[in-house]
Amino acid sequence: MILRANTLTNAMAGFLVAVCLTGGHLMADDATLVIDDRSSGDYSTGTGGDWRLVTDTVMGGVSNGQLTVEEIDARPCLRLRGEVRTENNGGFIQAALDLETSRVRDAGNFDGVVIDVYGNGETYSLHLRQDGLWLPWQAFRVSFTAPPEWQTHYLPFAQFQPHKTSASLKRDRLKRIGVVAIGRAFSADLCIGRIGYYRAQ
């Protein structure tokens, strides 16, 4: 397939420059922090922590999924696939990354999460968990659509909505990022490329 170029905002341009200049890590002017650029070739990230699959079976659900390391349209990625089912109060499969270091747990100087995705046209969610959230269903959530081509999404922290918590999002106390197929019965197929934090320019 031929990839279509997305319109580059100043923020995205800064993101691409950061990746080119730093090999997928912190840019010199601190404008972008790439948590994972998929250069590891496995489930690990360059900033500490490993991706893992979590499904609703931990809560009695019956959804099934798999998380694999792949290459889609010549780009390395994690591929989250499976069937989301809503029986037994279930309804999700998730690629979860525990943030292991203070470097990636503190996004206080950034404006949101940037993620490259390639999907099947379905809508997915990005979930953030922070210190003080102990119940597995508590998170801050925002949705995005993943078309069947590579696309970059900028997801401002201001758009993340609290789910089953009265807490406010604390960007400097993050502890997990989850990319989630959730909320309805459907076939999930989502490839995750780079993911990180960005500052709007």
Protein backbone atom coordinates (compact mmCIF):
# COMPACT_ATOMS: atom_id res chain seq x y z
CA MET A 1 0.00 0.00 0.00
CA ILE A 2 1.06 3.58 -0.57
CA LEU A 3 1.10 5.65 2.59
CA ARG A 4 -0.50 9.07 2.40
CA ALA A 5 1.41 11.89 4.05
CA ASN A 6 -0.50 13.58 6.85
CA THR A 7 -0.56 17.32 7.08
CA LEU A 8 2.33 18.30 9.31
CA THR A 9 1.55 20.67 12.10
CA ASN A 10 4.42 22.41 13.79
CA ALA A 11 4.13 19.94 16.63
CA MET A 12 4.37 16.95 14.31
CA ALA A 13 7.31 18.45 12.48
CA GLY A 14 9.04 18.85 15.80
CA PHE A 15 8.23 15.25 16.65
CA LEU A 16 9.78 13.93 13.44
CA VAL A 17 12.88 16.06 13.86
CA ALA A 18 13.22 14.76 17.40
CA VAL A 19 13.11 11.16 16.25
CA CYS A 20 15.61 11.75 13.44
CA LEU A 21 18.08 13.61 15.62
CA THR A 22 17.93 11.48 18.72
CA GLY A 23 17.16 7.97 17.52
CA GLY A 24 13.75 8.04 19.16
CA HIS A 25 14.50 9.61 22.52
CA LEU A 26 14.55 13.05 24.13
CA MET A 27 14.98 16.04 21.86
CA ALA A 28 17.59 18.62 22.85
CA ASP A 29 14.98 21.32 23.49
CA ASP A 30 12.76 18.89 25.41
CA ALA A 31 9.87 19.42 22.95
CA THR A 32 9.20 15.71 22.48
CA LEU A 33 9.85 12.56 24.45
CA VAL A 34 9.49 9.29 22.56
CA ILE A 35 8.62 6.49 24.96
CA ASP A 36 8.88 3.75 22.34
CA ASP A 37 9.87 3.91 18.67
CA ARG A 38 9.70 0.10 18.20
CA SER A 39 13.41 -0.10 17.38
CA SER A 40 13.95 -2.78 20.05
CA GLY A 41 12.54 -5.56 17.90
CA ASP A 42 10.80 -7.11 20.90
CA TYR A 43 8.34 -6.09 23.63
CA SER A 44 10.76 -3.79 25.42
CA THR A 45 11.03 -0.03 25.02
CA GLY A 46 14.08 2.21 24.89
CA THR A 47 12.96 3.99 28.05
CA GLY A 48 12.35 1.03 30.35
CA GLY A 49 9.37 -1.28 30.64
CA ASP A 50 7.85 -4.01 28.49
CA TRP A 51 4.54 -4.12 26.64
CA ARG A 52 2.15 -6.89 27.66
CA LEU A 53 -1.30 -8.12 26.75
CA VAL A 54 -4.14 -7.64 29.24
CA THR A 55 -7.68 -8.88 28.55
CA ASP A 56 -10.97 -8.79 30.41
CA THR A 57 -10.45 -12.39 31.52
CA VAL A 58 -8.77 -10.91 34.61
CA MET A 59 -12.26 -9.65 35.54
CA GLY A 60 -14.25 -12.67 34.35
CA GLY A 61 -14.75 -11.59 30.74
CA VAL A 62 -14.32 -13.78 27.68
CA SER A 63 -12.58 -11.52 25.15
CA ASN A 64 -9.48 -13.00 23.54
CA GLY A 65 -6.46 -11.35 21.99
CA GLN A 66 -2.81 -11.52 21.10
CA LEU A 67 0.03 -9.02 21.05
CA THR A 68 2.79 -9.64 18.51
CA VAL A 69 5.89 -7.87 17.23
CA GLU A 70 5.49 -7.26 13.49
CA GLU A 71 6.36 -5.04 10.56
CA ILE A 72 3.52 -3.34 8.67
CA ASP A 73 4.23 -1.37 5.49
CA ALA A 74 7.94 -1.49 6.29
CA ARG A 75 7.44 -0.04 9.79
CA PRO A 76 8.07 -1.98 13.02
CA CYS A 77 5.09 -2.13 15.34
CA LEU A 78 3.19 -3.98 18.00
CA ARG A 79 0.04 -5.60 16.67
CA LEU A 80 -2.98 -5.98 18.96
CA ARG A 81 -5.53 -8.40 17.55
CA GLY A 82 -8.51 -10.25 18.92
CA GLU A 83 -12.23 -10.45 19.51
CA VAL A 84 -13.76 -8.07 22.01
CA ARG A 85 -16.81 -9.62 23.67
CA THR A 86 -19.11 -8.11 26.25
CA GLU A 87 -20.38 -11.20 28.06
CA ASN A 88 -19.79 -11.48 31.83
CA ASN A 89 -19.33 -7.71 32.11
CA GLY A 90 -16.22 -7.89 29.94
CA GLY A 91 -15.38 -5.95 26.84
CA PHE A 92 -11.69 -5.18 26.27
CA ILE A 93 -8.26 -6.27 25.15
CA GLN A 94 -5.27 -4.04 25.84
CA ALA A 95 -1.62 -3.46 25.06
CA ALA A 96 -0.34 -2.17 28.41
CA LEU A 97 2.97 -0.51 29.24
CA ASP A 98 3.97 0.13 32.85
CA LEU A 99 6.09 3.28 33.00
CA GLU A 100 9.18 2.16 34.86
CA THR A 101 11.32 5.30 35.17
CA SER A 102 10.77 8.84 36.41
CA ARG A 103 11.77 10.06 32.97
CA VAL A 104 8.56 8.73 31.39
CA ARG A 105 6.32 8.90 34.46
CA ASP A 106 6.57 12.70 34.53
CA ALA A 107 4.86 14.31 31.53
CA GLY A 108 4.21 17.57 33.32
CA ASN A 109 6.12 19.60 30.75
CA PHE A 110 4.20 18.15 27.80
CA ASP A 111 0.78 18.79 26.28
CA GLY A 112 -0.35 15.33 25.28
CA VAL A 113 0.39 11.89 23.86
CA VAL A 114 1.43 11.34 20.26
CA ILE A 115 0.93 7.90 18.70
CA ASP A 116 1.37 6.38 15.25
CA VAL A 117 -1.24 3.74 14.43
CA TYR A 118 -2.37 1.51 11.56
CA GLY A 119 -5.70 -0.24 12.01
CA ASN A 120 -8.86 -1.64 10.52
CA GLY A 121 -11.01 1.49 10.60
CA GLU A 122 -12.31 0.89 14.12
CA THR A 123 -12.26 3.26 17.09
CA TYR A 124 -9.85 2.51 19.93
CA SER A 125 -8.93 4.17 23.23
CA LEU A 126 -5.77 5.34 24.90
CA HIS A 127 -5.85 5.03 28.69
CA LEU A 128 -3.60 6.68 31.24
CA ARG A 129 -3.28 5.50 34.82
CA GLN A 130 -1.57 7.42 37.57
CA ASP A 131 -0.51 7.05 41.19
CA GLY A 132 -3.53 6.77 43.45
CA LEU A 133 -5.68 4.78 41.02
CA TRP A 134 -5.86 1.23 42.34
CA LEU A 135 -9.00 -0.27 40.81
CA PRO A 136 -8.35 -1.86 37.39
CA TRP A 137 -11.22 -0.03 35.68
CA GLN A 138 -10.07 3.45 36.75
CA ALA A 139 -8.25 5.49 34.09
CA PHE A 140 -8.24 8.64 32.01
CA ARG A 141 -9.45 7.90 28.50
CA VAL A 142 -9.51 9.38 25.02
CA SER A 143 -10.66 7.74 21.76
CA PHE A 144 -9.14 7.71 18.28
CA THR A 145 -9.86 6.01 14.96
CA ALA A 146 -7.23 3.86 13.27
CA PRO A 147 -7.59 3.73 9.46
CA PRO A 148 -5.93 1.07 7.27
CA GLU A 149 -2.86 3.24 6.76
CA TRP A 150 -0.27 4.76 9.04
CA GLN A 151 -1.62 7.84 10.80
CA THR A 152 -0.28 10.07 13.58
CA HIS A 153 -2.65 11.17 16.34
CA TYR A 154 -1.99 14.02 18.75
CA LEU A 155 -4.09 13.43 21.87
CA PRO A 156 -4.05 16.45 24.22
CA PHE A 157 -4.08 15.70 27.94
CA ALA A 158 -7.00 18.14 28.21
CA GLN A 159 -9.17 15.74 26.19
CA PHE A 160 -8.63 12.71 28.46
CA GLN A 161 -11.78 11.99 30.46
CA PRO A 162 -11.78 10.39 33.93
CA HIS A 163 -13.45 7.00 34.08
CA LYS A 164 -14.87 5.84 37.42
CA THR A 165 -12.68 8.22 39.39
CA SER A 166 -13.17 11.72 40.77
CA ALA A 167 -9.45 12.44 40.58
CA SER A 168 -7.92 14.96 38.20
CA LEU A 169 -5.26 13.91 35.73
CA LYS A 170 -1.80 14.41 37.22
CA ARG A 171 0.60 14.45 34.28
CA ASP A 172 3.64 14.22 36.54
CA ARG A 173 2.47 11.03 38.26
CA LEU A 174 1.69 8.67 35.38
CA LYS A 175 2.30 4.97 35.84
CA ARG A 176 0.78 3.15 32.86
CA ILE A 177 -0.23 3.69 29.24
CA GLY A 178 -2.78 1.36 27.68
CA VAL A 179 -3.85 1.12 24.05
CA VAL A 180 -7.24 -0.52 24.25
CA ALA A 181 -9.97 -2.10 22.15
CA ILE A 182 -12.97 -1.65 24.43
CA GLY A 183 -16.65 -1.10 25.00
CA ARG A 184 -18.44 -3.11 22.34
CA ALA A 185 -18.23 -6.43 20.53
CA PHE A 186 -15.93 -6.14 17.52
CA SER A 187 -12.83 -7.54 15.83
CA ALA A 188 -9.76 -5.57 16.84
CA ASP A 189 -6.67 -5.24 14.67
CA LEU A 190 -4.40 -2.35 15.58
CA CYS A 191 -0.71 -1.74 14.94
CA ILE A 192 1.11 0.60 17.32
CA GLY A 193 4.19 2.40 16.07
CA ARG A 194 5.86 5.26 17.92
CA ILE A 195 4.33 6.58 21.10
CA GLY A 196 5.47 9.47 23.27
CA TYR A 197 4.68 12.87 24.72
CA TYR A 198 4.65 16.10 22.76
CA ARG A 199 4.65 19.79 23.48
CA ALA A 200 2.60 21.99 21.13
CA GLN A 201 4.70 24.55 19.27
